[in-house]
Amino acid sequence: MEYKIYRMNKKDALEFFSWHYEEPYTFYNAKAENFNRDLDEILNENNGIFYFSVFNENNELFGIFEYEFETDGEMKIGLGLAPEYTGQRLGYEFITRCLSFGRKLFNYHGSIILDVYEENERAIHVYEKMGFIRYDRVLRANGEDDNIKYPFICMRKSGENDS
């Protein structure tokens, strides 16, 4: 599949916020009360978090890539496919493109980390197939209520072999 990747703008962010996932993935649905905060984070070019819109060959917003660097210099990624493209065995190629795009853009050769919602077994399976190793489990809020914590699996991929 051909991808076109651009720095995320307001129009793409609002479309991304409209994505609606079914159970058990509703956790990933954007919360209306957080739109302004989330939009500010996405559009802020000085916060060290870089969001990208990924378009398919039909020029549809197909996915998102997110990159940031931890205090120890490790690259942390976040990514997502539009709901209508999940469960179609596209994840491996999509993640490979996310890794290679980020490595090239930032001239980065080190390990890559990510956090994935513990109930997202499809994603965890693909990450493990790609060589990501589980190294921790943490509880995090998802922006709705800071008192409600959700379990995340922390994973790491060493080196530069991304396929």
Protein backbone atom coordinates (compact mmCIF):
# COMPACT_ATOMS: atom_id res chain seq x y z
CA MET A 1 0.00 0.00 0.00
CA GLU A 2 1.25 3.49 -0.80
CA TYR A 3 1.29 6.02 2.03
CA LYS A 4 1.56 9.79 2.01
CA ILE A 5 2.73 11.17 5.34
CA TYR A 6 2.34 14.81 6.44
CA ARG A 7 2.66 16.73 9.68
CA MET A 8 -0.82 16.60 11.21
CA ASN A 9 -2.92 19.75 10.78
CA LYS A 10 -6.17 20.85 12.43
CA LYS A 11 -8.42 19.36 9.74
CA ASP A 12 -6.74 15.94 10.03
CA ALA A 13 -6.79 16.09 13.84
CA LEU A 14 -10.54 16.74 13.86
CA GLU A 15 -11.08 13.81 11.50
CA PHE A 16 -8.87 11.64 13.73
CA PHE A 17 -10.98 12.68 16.74
CA SER A 18 -14.11 11.47 14.88
CA TRP A 19 -12.85 7.90 14.56
CA HIS A 20 -15.09 5.50 16.49
CA TYR A 21 -13.85 2.06 17.54
CA GLU A 22 -16.06 -0.82 18.65
CA GLU A 23 -15.54 -2.93 21.80
CA PRO A 24 -13.05 -3.84 23.11
CA TYR A 25 -11.26 -0.92 21.46
CA THR A 26 -13.62 1.91 22.55
CA PHE A 27 -10.86 2.93 24.92
CA TYR A 28 -9.21 4.61 21.90
CA ASN A 29 -12.21 6.79 21.04
CA ALA A 30 -11.50 10.51 21.46
CA LYS A 31 -13.37 12.20 24.28
CA ALA A 32 -15.25 15.38 23.26
CA GLU A 33 -14.41 17.13 26.52
CA ASN A 34 -10.69 16.73 25.72
CA PHE A 35 -10.76 17.96 22.10
CA ASN A 36 -9.27 21.40 22.82
CA ARG A 37 -6.51 20.02 25.05
CA ASP A 38 -5.69 17.23 22.57
CA LEU A 39 -5.80 19.60 19.60
CA ASP A 40 -3.40 21.97 21.37
CA GLU A 41 -0.99 19.08 21.97
CA ILE A 42 -1.13 17.93 18.35
CA LEU A 43 -0.66 21.39 16.85
CA ASN A 44 2.01 22.61 19.30
CA GLU A 45 5.30 22.50 17.42
CA ASN A 46 7.37 23.13 20.56
CA ASN A 47 6.23 20.39 22.95
CA GLY A 48 8.52 17.63 21.64
CA ILE A 49 5.64 15.47 20.42
CA PHE A 50 5.35 15.05 16.67
CA TYR A 51 2.06 13.93 15.07
CA PHE A 52 1.74 12.83 11.46
CA SER A 53 -1.26 12.07 9.27
CA VAL A 54 -0.96 8.99 7.09
CA PHE A 55 -3.03 8.92 3.89
CA ASN A 56 -3.66 5.90 1.67
CA GLU A 57 -3.66 5.80 -2.13
CA ASN A 58 -7.28 7.07 -2.13
CA ASN A 59 -6.14 10.15 -0.19
CA GLU A 60 -8.13 9.03 2.88
CA LEU A 61 -6.79 9.58 6.40
CA PHE A 62 -5.75 6.02 7.03
CA GLY A 63 -3.70 6.33 10.20
CA ILE A 64 -1.56 8.44 12.48
CA PHE A 65 2.05 8.31 13.63
CA GLU A 66 3.25 9.96 16.84
CA TYR A 67 6.86 10.35 17.99
CA GLU A 68 8.48 11.75 21.09
CA PHE A 69 11.77 11.28 22.87
CA GLU A 70 12.04 10.21 26.49
CA THR A 71 14.50 11.91 28.85
CA ASP A 72 16.98 9.07 28.28
CA GLY A 73 16.82 9.70 24.51
CA GLU A 74 14.72 6.65 23.60
CA MET A 75 12.17 7.17 20.85
CA LYS A 76 8.59 6.52 21.94
CA ILE A 77 5.99 5.92 19.27
CA GLY A 78 2.24 5.98 19.15
CA LEU A 79 0.21 4.96 16.15
CA GLY A 80 -3.29 4.16 15.08
CA LEU A 81 -5.24 2.90 12.10
CA ALA A 82 -8.65 4.28 11.18
CA PRO A 83 -11.31 1.90 12.57
CA GLU A 84 -12.43 0.65 9.14
CA TYR A 85 -8.90 -0.61 8.45
CA THR A 86 -8.32 -2.50 11.70
CA GLY A 87 -8.46 -6.28 11.76
CA GLN A 88 -7.45 -6.55 8.08
CA ARG A 89 -3.85 -7.72 8.63
CA LEU A 90 -2.46 -4.28 7.75
CA GLY A 91 -0.76 -3.69 11.10
CA TYR A 92 2.63 -5.24 10.38
CA GLU A 93 3.22 -3.13 7.26
CA PHE A 94 1.82 -0.02 8.96
CA ILE A 95 4.06 -0.40 12.01
CA THR A 96 7.08 -1.08 9.80
CA ARG A 97 6.40 2.19 7.96
CA CYS A 98 5.98 4.05 11.26
CA LEU A 99 9.34 2.78 12.49
CA SER A 100 11.23 3.44 9.27
CA PHE A 101 9.67 6.91 8.81
CA GLY A 102 10.58 7.92 12.37
CA ARG A 103 14.11 6.55 12.15
CA LYS A 104 14.75 8.40 8.89
CA LEU A 105 13.08 11.67 9.93
CA PHE A 106 14.96 11.88 13.23
CA ASN A 107 18.13 10.04 12.08
CA TYR A 108 17.54 7.66 14.98
CA HIS A 109 19.21 4.26 15.38
CA GLY A 110 18.41 3.29 18.97
CA SER A 111 15.69 1.28 20.64
CA ILE A 112 12.03 2.20 20.29
CA ILE A 113 9.41 1.95 23.00
CA LEU A 114 5.63 2.05 23.04
CA ASP A 115 2.72 1.50 25.38
CA VAL A 116 -0.29 -0.51 24.30
CA TYR A 117 -3.61 -1.00 26.04
CA GLU A 118 -3.50 -4.43 27.66
CA GLU A 119 -6.77 -5.55 26.06
CA ASN A 120 -5.55 -4.72 22.54
CA GLU A 121 -4.38 -8.28 21.95
CA ARG A 122 -4.25 -7.86 18.16
CA ALA A 123 -1.73 -5.04 18.42
CA ILE A 124 0.32 -6.81 21.10
CA HIS A 125 0.53 -9.89 18.87
CA VAL A 126 1.82 -7.82 15.92
CA TYR A 127 4.32 -5.92 18.07
CA GLU A 128 5.70 -9.19 19.45
CA LYS A 129 5.91 -10.63 15.94
CA MET A 130 8.01 -7.57 15.01
CA GLY A 131 10.44 -8.15 17.88
CA PHE A 132 9.02 -5.87 20.57
CA ILE A 133 9.54 -7.28 24.07
CA ARG A 134 7.32 -6.61 27.07
CA TYR A 135 9.26 -4.92 29.84
CA ASP A 136 6.65 -3.41 32.15
CA ARG A 137 2.97 -3.00 32.92
CA VAL A 138 1.62 0.34 34.13
CA LEU A 139 -1.73 1.88 35.00
CA ARG A 140 -2.60 5.15 33.26
CA ALA A 141 -5.56 7.48 32.97
CA ASN A 142 -7.06 8.04 29.53
CA GLY A 143 -8.09 11.64 29.94
CA GLU A 144 -11.69 11.02 31.02
CA ASP A 145 -11.16 10.77 34.76
CA ASP A 146 -7.69 10.77 36.25
CA ASN A 147 -9.00 8.52 39.02
CA ILE A 148 -9.75 5.72 36.54
CA LYS A 149 -6.60 3.87 35.50
CA TYR A 150 -6.21 1.45 32.61
CA PRO A 151 -3.53 -1.24 32.24
CA PHE A 152 -0.87 -0.71 29.57
CA ILE A 153 1.89 -3.04 28.44
CA CYS A 154 5.23 -1.27 27.88
CA MET A 155 7.24 -2.76 25.03
CA ARG A 156 10.70 -2.16 23.58
CA LYS A 157 12.38 -3.01 20.29
CA SER A 158 16.16 -2.85 20.22
CA GLY A 159 18.38 -1.65 17.44
CA GLU A 160 17.42 -0.93 13.89
CA ASN A 161 16.05 -4.20 12.50
CA ASP A 162 12.43 -3.08 12.01
CA SER A 163 10.99 -5.74 9.75
